[in-house]
Protein backbone atom coordinates (compact mmCIF):
# COMPACT_ATOMS: atom_id res chain seq x y z
CA MET A 1 86.01 65.02 76.46
CA THR A 2 87.98 67.80 74.89
CA ASP A 3 89.02 71.10 76.37
CA THR A 4 87.00 73.18 74.11
CA ARG A 5 83.92 72.42 76.30
CA ASN A 6 81.60 73.05 73.32
CA ASP A 7 78.50 71.98 75.30
CA THR A 8 79.33 73.74 78.58
CA THR A 9 77.51 76.87 79.75
CA SER A 10 79.63 79.93 79.05
CA VAL A 11 80.12 83.34 80.65
CA VAL A 12 82.99 84.25 78.23
CA GLU A 13 80.80 87.13 76.58
CA ARG A 14 80.83 88.85 79.99
CA THR A 15 84.65 89.41 79.89
CA HIS A 16 86.07 92.91 79.80
CA SER A 17 89.54 92.53 78.21
CA VAL A 18 92.51 94.16 79.79
CA ALA A 19 95.81 94.81 78.11
CA ALA A 20 98.33 93.76 80.85
CA THR A 21 101.47 94.60 78.59
CA GLY A 22 103.35 91.96 80.17
CA ALA A 23 103.34 88.49 81.75
CA VAL A 24 100.79 88.23 84.79
CA ILE A 25 102.12 86.52 87.79
CA ALA A 26 99.18 87.24 90.15
CA ALA A 27 95.87 89.04 90.44
CA HIS A 28 94.02 90.76 93.31
CA PHE A 29 91.09 92.95 93.98
CA LEU A 30 91.02 96.24 95.81
CA GLY A 31 87.22 96.79 96.07
CA ARG A 32 85.92 96.35 92.64
CA THR A 33 89.30 97.26 91.06
CA ALA A 34 91.17 94.35 89.61
CA VAL A 35 94.86 94.37 89.98
CA PHE A 36 97.13 92.47 87.63
CA VAL A 37 100.66 91.92 88.83
CA LEU A 38 103.29 91.89 86.21
CA GLY A 39 106.64 89.83 86.26
CA GLU A 40 108.62 93.13 85.95
CA GLU A 41 108.25 96.41 87.80
CA ALA A 42 104.49 97.24 87.50
CA ILE A 43 100.96 96.48 88.29
CA VAL A 44 97.88 97.31 86.28
CA LEU A 45 94.79 98.66 87.86
CA ALA A 46 91.49 98.00 86.05
CA ALA A 47 88.62 99.76 87.68
CA PRO A 48 85.09 99.37 86.30
CA ASN A 49 84.27 101.78 83.42
CA GLU A 50 87.93 103.22 83.52
CA GLU A 51 90.91 102.78 81.31
CA PRO A 52 93.56 100.42 82.91
CA ARG A 53 96.41 102.23 84.50
CA ARG A 54 100.03 100.92 84.84
CA VAL A 55 101.78 101.75 88.04
CA ALA A 56 105.49 101.19 88.61
CA VAL A 57 106.05 99.73 91.94
CA HIS A 58 109.58 98.12 91.86
CA GLY A 59 112.86 98.65 90.03
CA GLY A 60 112.95 95.09 88.81
CA ALA A 61 111.29 91.85 89.07
CA ILE A 62 108.11 91.43 91.39
CA LEU A 63 108.68 88.40 93.39
CA ALA A 64 105.68 88.19 95.67
CA THR A 65 102.37 90.01 96.34
CA ALA A 66 99.60 89.87 98.96
CA ALA A 67 96.41 91.90 99.35
CA ASP A 68 93.70 92.50 101.98
CA GLY A 69 91.13 94.37 99.78
CA LYS A 70 92.52 97.69 100.78
CA GLN A 71 96.13 97.55 99.67
CA ILE A 72 98.63 95.37 97.92
CA VAL A 73 101.97 94.66 99.39
CA SER A 74 104.77 93.61 97.00
CA GLY A 75 108.28 92.45 97.27
CA GLY A 76 110.87 92.67 94.46
CA ASP A 77 114.41 91.90 93.62
CA ASP A 78 115.21 95.58 94.29
CA GLY A 79 115.22 94.72 97.96
CA LYS A 80 112.03 96.77 98.66
CA VAL A 81 108.62 96.04 100.12
CA SER A 82 106.12 98.39 98.72
CA ALA A 83 102.29 99.05 99.48
CA THR A 84 99.88 100.28 96.76
CA ASP A 85 96.21 101.40 97.30
CA GLY A 86 93.25 101.49 94.97
CA LYS A 87 94.24 104.76 93.62
CA GLY A 88 97.66 103.67 92.59
CA GLU A 89 99.45 105.63 95.20
CA THR A 90 102.62 103.61 96.22
CA ARG A 91 104.96 103.94 99.10
CA THR A 92 108.06 101.91 100.11
CA LEU A 93 107.51 100.32 103.48
CA THR A 94 111.16 99.17 103.81
CA ALA A 95 114.25 98.50 101.95
CA ASP A 96 116.50 95.49 102.92
CA PRO A 97 119.88 97.14 103.98
CA LYS A 98 121.72 94.15 102.32
CA HIS A 99 119.85 94.66 99.02
CA ARG A 100 118.56 91.17 99.29
CA TRP A 101 115.60 89.95 97.30
CA ILE A 102 112.14 89.99 98.94
CA ASP A 103 111.00 86.53 98.22
CA HIS A 104 107.72 86.43 100.09
CA VAL A 105 105.12 88.71 101.71
CA ALA A 106 102.03 88.19 103.75
CA LEU A 107 99.27 90.29 105.20
CA GLY A 108 97.74 89.57 108.62
CA PRO A 109 95.31 90.75 111.32
CA ASP A 110 95.14 94.53 112.04
CA GLY A 111 97.35 95.54 109.18
CA ALA A 112 100.39 93.51 110.10
CA ILE A 113 102.77 92.80 107.27
CA ALA A 114 105.51 90.09 106.93
CA TRP A 115 108.22 89.56 104.33
CA SER A 116 111.24 87.33 103.89
CA ALA A 117 114.74 87.84 102.56
CA GLY A 118 116.95 84.66 102.38
CA LYS A 119 116.67 82.98 105.83
CA THR A 120 115.17 85.85 107.64
CA ALA A 121 111.45 86.58 108.21
CA PHE A 122 110.46 90.04 109.32
CA MET A 123 107.08 91.34 110.72
CA LEU A 124 105.61 94.89 111.26
CA PRO A 125 102.51 95.00 113.60
CA ARG A 126 101.28 97.75 111.10
CA ALA A 127 102.45 99.25 107.80
CA ARG A 128 104.31 102.18 109.36
CA GLY A 129 107.30 101.85 107.10
CA LYS A 130 109.86 102.12 109.83
CA ASP A 131 112.71 99.64 109.79
CA GLU A 132 113.45 99.79 113.41
CA GLU A 133 109.97 98.72 114.41
CA ALA A 134 110.31 95.39 112.34
CA ARG A 135 110.70 92.16 114.40
CA ASN A 136 112.68 89.33 112.73
CA PHE A 137 112.98 85.52 112.85
CA GLU A 138 115.94 83.51 111.65
CA ALA A 139 114.56 80.36 109.95
CA PRO A 140 116.79 77.13 109.78
CA SER A 141 117.09 77.66 105.92
CA THR A 142 115.90 79.89 103.22
CA VAL A 143 112.13 80.83 103.77
CA GLY A 144 109.93 79.03 101.40
CA GLY A 145 106.71 80.77 102.35
CA LEU A 146 104.68 82.93 104.80
CA ALA A 147 101.18 82.90 106.10
CA PHE A 148 99.54 84.58 109.12
CA LEU A 149 97.16 82.61 111.13
CA PRO A 150 93.55 84.08 111.15
CA LYS A 151 93.64 85.01 115.02
CA GLY A 152 96.22 86.31 117.22
CA LEU A 153 99.63 87.42 115.90
CA ARG A 154 101.24 84.35 114.79
CA LEU A 155 103.17 83.78 111.53
CA ALA A 156 103.61 80.40 109.71
CA ILE A 157 107.14 80.10 108.01
CA ALA A 158 107.90 77.32 105.67
CA HIS A 159 111.44 76.13 105.42
CA TYR A 160 113.59 73.05 104.83
CA ASN A 161 112.48 70.07 106.81
CA GLY A 162 109.13 71.57 107.87
CA ALA A 163 107.47 74.84 109.09
CA SER A 164 107.75 77.00 112.20
CA LEU A 165 104.90 79.05 114.04
CA TRP A 166 106.51 82.24 115.12
CA PHE A 167 104.99 84.52 117.84
CA PRO A 168 106.41 87.97 117.15
CA ASN A 169 104.83 89.46 120.27
CA ALA A 170 106.73 86.96 122.40
CA PRO A 171 110.38 87.17 121.33
CA GLN A 172 111.57 84.98 124.26
CA ALA A 173 109.14 82.08 123.35
CA ALA A 174 110.46 79.35 121.19
CA PRO A 175 108.56 79.00 117.86
CA GLU A 176 106.46 75.76 117.46
CA LYS A 177 108.18 73.37 115.03
CA PHE A 178 106.35 71.12 112.64
CA GLU A 179 108.71 68.78 111.05
CA TRP A 180 108.77 66.71 107.77
CA LYS A 181 111.80 66.06 105.80
CA GLY A 182 112.10 67.82 102.54
CA SER A 183 111.90 71.27 100.95
CA HIS A 184 108.77 73.11 101.81
CA LEU A 185 108.18 75.92 99.28
CA GLY A 186 104.87 77.31 100.16
CA VAL A 187 102.57 77.53 103.22
CA THR A 188 98.81 78.24 103.87
CA VAL A 189 96.67 77.98 107.12
CA SER A 190 92.96 76.92 107.07
CA PRO A 191 90.55 79.87 107.80
CA ASP A 192 89.53 78.47 111.17
CA GLY A 193 93.25 78.23 112.11
CA ARG A 194 93.31 74.52 112.78
CA PHE A 195 95.47 73.17 110.11
CA LEU A 196 98.82 74.13 108.54
CA VAL A 197 99.69 72.87 105.05
CA THR A 198 102.77 73.25 103.05
CA SER A 199 103.59 72.56 99.40
CA MET A 200 106.71 70.88 98.63
CA GLN A 201 109.41 70.50 96.02
CA GLU A 202 108.21 66.98 95.40
CA PRO A 203 104.55 66.60 93.88
CA MET A 204 102.86 66.51 97.21
CA LEU A 205 101.57 68.56 100.15
CA HIS A 206 102.11 67.97 103.82
CA GLY A 207 100.02 69.22 106.58
CA TRP A 208 99.71 69.18 110.32
CA ARG A 209 96.82 69.73 112.68
CA ILE A 210 98.03 72.52 114.66
CA ALA A 211 96.70 71.53 118.12
CA ASP A 212 98.65 68.17 118.30
CA GLY A 213 101.08 68.16 115.32
CA LYS A 214 99.10 65.15 113.71
CA HIS A 215 100.54 64.70 110.19
CA MET A 216 98.58 64.90 107.02
CA ARG A 217 100.30 63.72 103.82
CA MET A 218 98.67 64.70 100.60
CA SER A 219 100.20 62.98 97.60
CA GLY A 220 99.31 61.50 94.05
CA TYR A 221 100.16 64.66 92.00
CA ALA A 222 101.75 64.53 88.67
CA ALA A 223 103.56 67.72 89.27
CA ARG A 224 104.58 70.11 91.96
CA VAL A 225 101.66 72.01 93.34
CA LEU A 226 102.28 75.73 92.60
CA SER A 227 98.71 76.99 93.45
CA LEU A 228 96.52 76.60 96.71
CA GLY A 229 93.09 78.13 97.47
CA TRP A 230 90.65 77.57 100.22
CA THR A 231 86.93 77.32 99.17
CA ALA A 232 84.09 79.10 101.02
CA GLY A 233 84.16 78.35 104.75
CA GLY A 234 87.47 76.44 104.48
CA HIS A 235 85.50 73.44 103.51
CA PHE A 236 88.12 72.31 100.95
CA LEU A 237 91.64 73.05 100.00
CA ALA A 238 91.62 73.39 96.09
CA THR A 239 95.00 72.64 94.35
CA SER A 240 96.84 72.64 91.07
CA GLY A 241 99.31 69.89 90.13
CA SER A 242 97.15 67.62 87.98
CA THR A 243 94.97 67.57 84.93
CA GLN A 244 92.06 68.13 87.19
CA ILE A 245 91.12 70.32 90.17
CA ILE A 246 91.93 68.43 93.27
CA LEU A 247 90.18 69.38 96.49
CA TRP A 248 91.09 67.94 99.92
CA PRO A 249 88.25 67.95 102.55
CA PHE A 250 88.79 69.95 105.79
CA GLN A 251 85.26 70.05 107.32
CA SER A 252 86.00 67.41 110.02
CA LYS A 253 88.26 67.59 113.13
CA ASP A 254 90.74 65.31 111.28
CA GLY A 255 90.69 67.21 108.01
CA PRO A 256 91.75 65.08 105.12
CA MET A 257 93.38 62.30 107.16
CA GLY A 258 92.03 58.99 106.01
CA LYS A 259 90.02 60.64 103.23
CA GLN A 260 90.26 60.71 99.41
CA PRO A 261 90.34 64.14 97.60
CA ARG A 262 87.47 65.22 95.37
CA LEU A 263 88.57 65.46 91.77
CA LEU A 264 86.84 68.03 89.43
CA SER A 265 86.93 69.28 85.87
CA PRO A 266 89.33 66.73 84.18
CA SER A 267 91.23 68.03 81.13
CA GLU A 268 93.79 67.18 78.66
CA HIS A 269 96.00 69.89 80.09
CA ARG A 270 97.27 70.54 83.54
CA VAL A 271 95.63 72.91 86.14
CA GLN A 272 97.98 75.88 86.82
CA THR A 273 96.01 78.04 89.16
CA VAL A 274 93.09 77.84 91.27
CA ALA A 275 90.78 80.26 93.23
CA GLY A 276 87.93 79.40 95.58
CA HIS A 277 84.80 81.51 95.44
CA PRO A 278 84.57 83.52 98.61
CA LYS A 279 80.79 82.86 99.34
CA GLN A 280 79.67 79.95 97.35
CA ASP A 281 80.97 76.25 96.84
CA ILE A 282 82.52 77.09 93.55
CA VAL A 283 86.17 76.91 92.56
CA ALA A 284 87.73 78.47 89.49
CA GLY A 285 90.59 76.58 87.72
CA GLY A 286 92.98 78.06 85.06
CA TYR A 287 94.65 75.47 82.78
CA GLU A 288 98.03 75.42 80.85
CA ASP A 289 96.21 75.62 77.57
CA GLY A 290 94.56 79.04 78.59
CA MET A 291 91.14 77.82 79.54
CA VAL A 292 89.45 78.91 82.69
CA LEU A 293 86.56 76.90 84.27
CA LEU A 294 84.07 77.60 87.06
CA THR A 295 83.16 74.35 88.81
CA ARG A 296 80.43 73.75 91.41
CA ILE A 297 81.81 71.51 93.97
CA GLU A 298 78.62 69.76 94.98
CA ASP A 299 77.98 68.14 91.67
CA GLY A 300 80.88 69.03 89.33
CA ALA A 301 78.69 71.36 87.04
CA GLU A 302 80.97 73.59 84.92
CA ILE A 303 80.81 76.95 83.40
CA LEU A 304 83.29 78.06 80.79
CA ALA A 305 84.88 81.46 81.79
CA LYS A 306 87.74 81.64 79.29
CA LYS A 307 88.25 79.71 76.01
CA PRO A 308 91.74 78.08 75.57
CA GLY A 309 94.23 80.42 74.23
CA ASP A 310 98.10 80.68 73.49
CA ALA A 311 99.44 80.80 77.00
CA PRO A 312 98.96 79.26 80.36
CA VAL A 313 96.62 80.96 82.96
CA THR A 314 98.86 82.19 85.60
CA ALA A 315 96.49 84.34 87.80
CA LEU A 316 93.07 84.10 89.11
CA ALA A 317 91.16 86.33 91.68
CA TRP A 318 87.70 86.92 92.86
CA SER A 319 86.32 90.02 94.13
CA ALA A 320 85.31 90.00 97.95
CA ASP A 321 81.56 89.72 96.97
CA GLY A 322 82.28 86.89 94.34
CA THR A 323 80.81 88.89 91.48
CA LEU A 324 83.86 89.56 89.63
CA LEU A 325 86.61 87.24 88.45
CA ALA A 326 89.96 88.47 87.19
CA TRP A 327 92.41 86.14 85.12
CA GLY A 328 95.73 86.69 83.56
CA THR A 329 97.92 84.71 81.34
CA GLU A 330 101.84 84.14 80.76
CA SER A 331 101.56 86.15 77.55
CA GLY A 332 100.05 89.19 79.02
CA ASP A 333 96.39 88.54 78.14
CA ALA A 334 93.92 89.54 80.98
CA GLY A 335 90.35 89.98 81.73
CA VAL A 336 87.59 90.72 84.26
CA ILE A 337 84.44 88.73 84.24
CA ASP A 338 81.23 90.29 85.54
CA LEU A 339 79.12 87.42 87.01
CA ALA A 340 76.55 89.74 88.71
């Protein structure tokens, strides 16, 4: 098998190319407007039947973004947390008084926003942009990742030797600690709120069942896992880190404990980024040779969404209805595929 996938069904011809003008580090959708996040200063808004618009949102590198379909929240090395809507209107929510880098951001229930700078995690119940309303939590080490739980106001914080669940509305309550030795550099929570999973400096994941802290070790990767994505209904956690898409099963009460992952779409090149379809059991995978594949989980059937190119695929995102797929590369190529 070669990565050209000459005999694979293709939707490449449905792609609307977008000139991103810089390396794309993330992609999101605001309604049907695709948003490409550049490594420096700006985002590019690509609405259907309109010319792409470049919007400056930071005074330097953009380090983290999160979106909820209505707005994109971004953090930069200028020490600012900004929010941008689908019209391209941007406002600064807060600026770190010490001018520290904003390493991570997250969006939660009812408009809650979280961000981190160094060892400190902050949370605003809503995006009011008033510093005095922000609540903060000092992690044991530099924050490695942030993720809200789907219900209630709880924030998962990855850090050295594990993760903590913080309850911002209960400042006197001690955070729940989930311990595992090592450097935890990313965090995600299953859509049903039952499982907490971190990516590590080592080529592995570690997880816990939140109810009882039962451990889940997910190893066997060739490289550090940089991209995680839940599939429809939270049935699988799709990951990068190998020359195939690795999916860990989370349908049962024990999650992947004692189970083998499902392996899809093997390639000669490593998977760089993944994105689960919001409604169907399909996962998109972007490879280091520039290829994008859509793979049906049930039987592994593939559709070629982007041919190999000159740079790795660094961003993938689905629209909320699953009819549009945005991709971006390290070299600044980008596109939106209409699958309707």
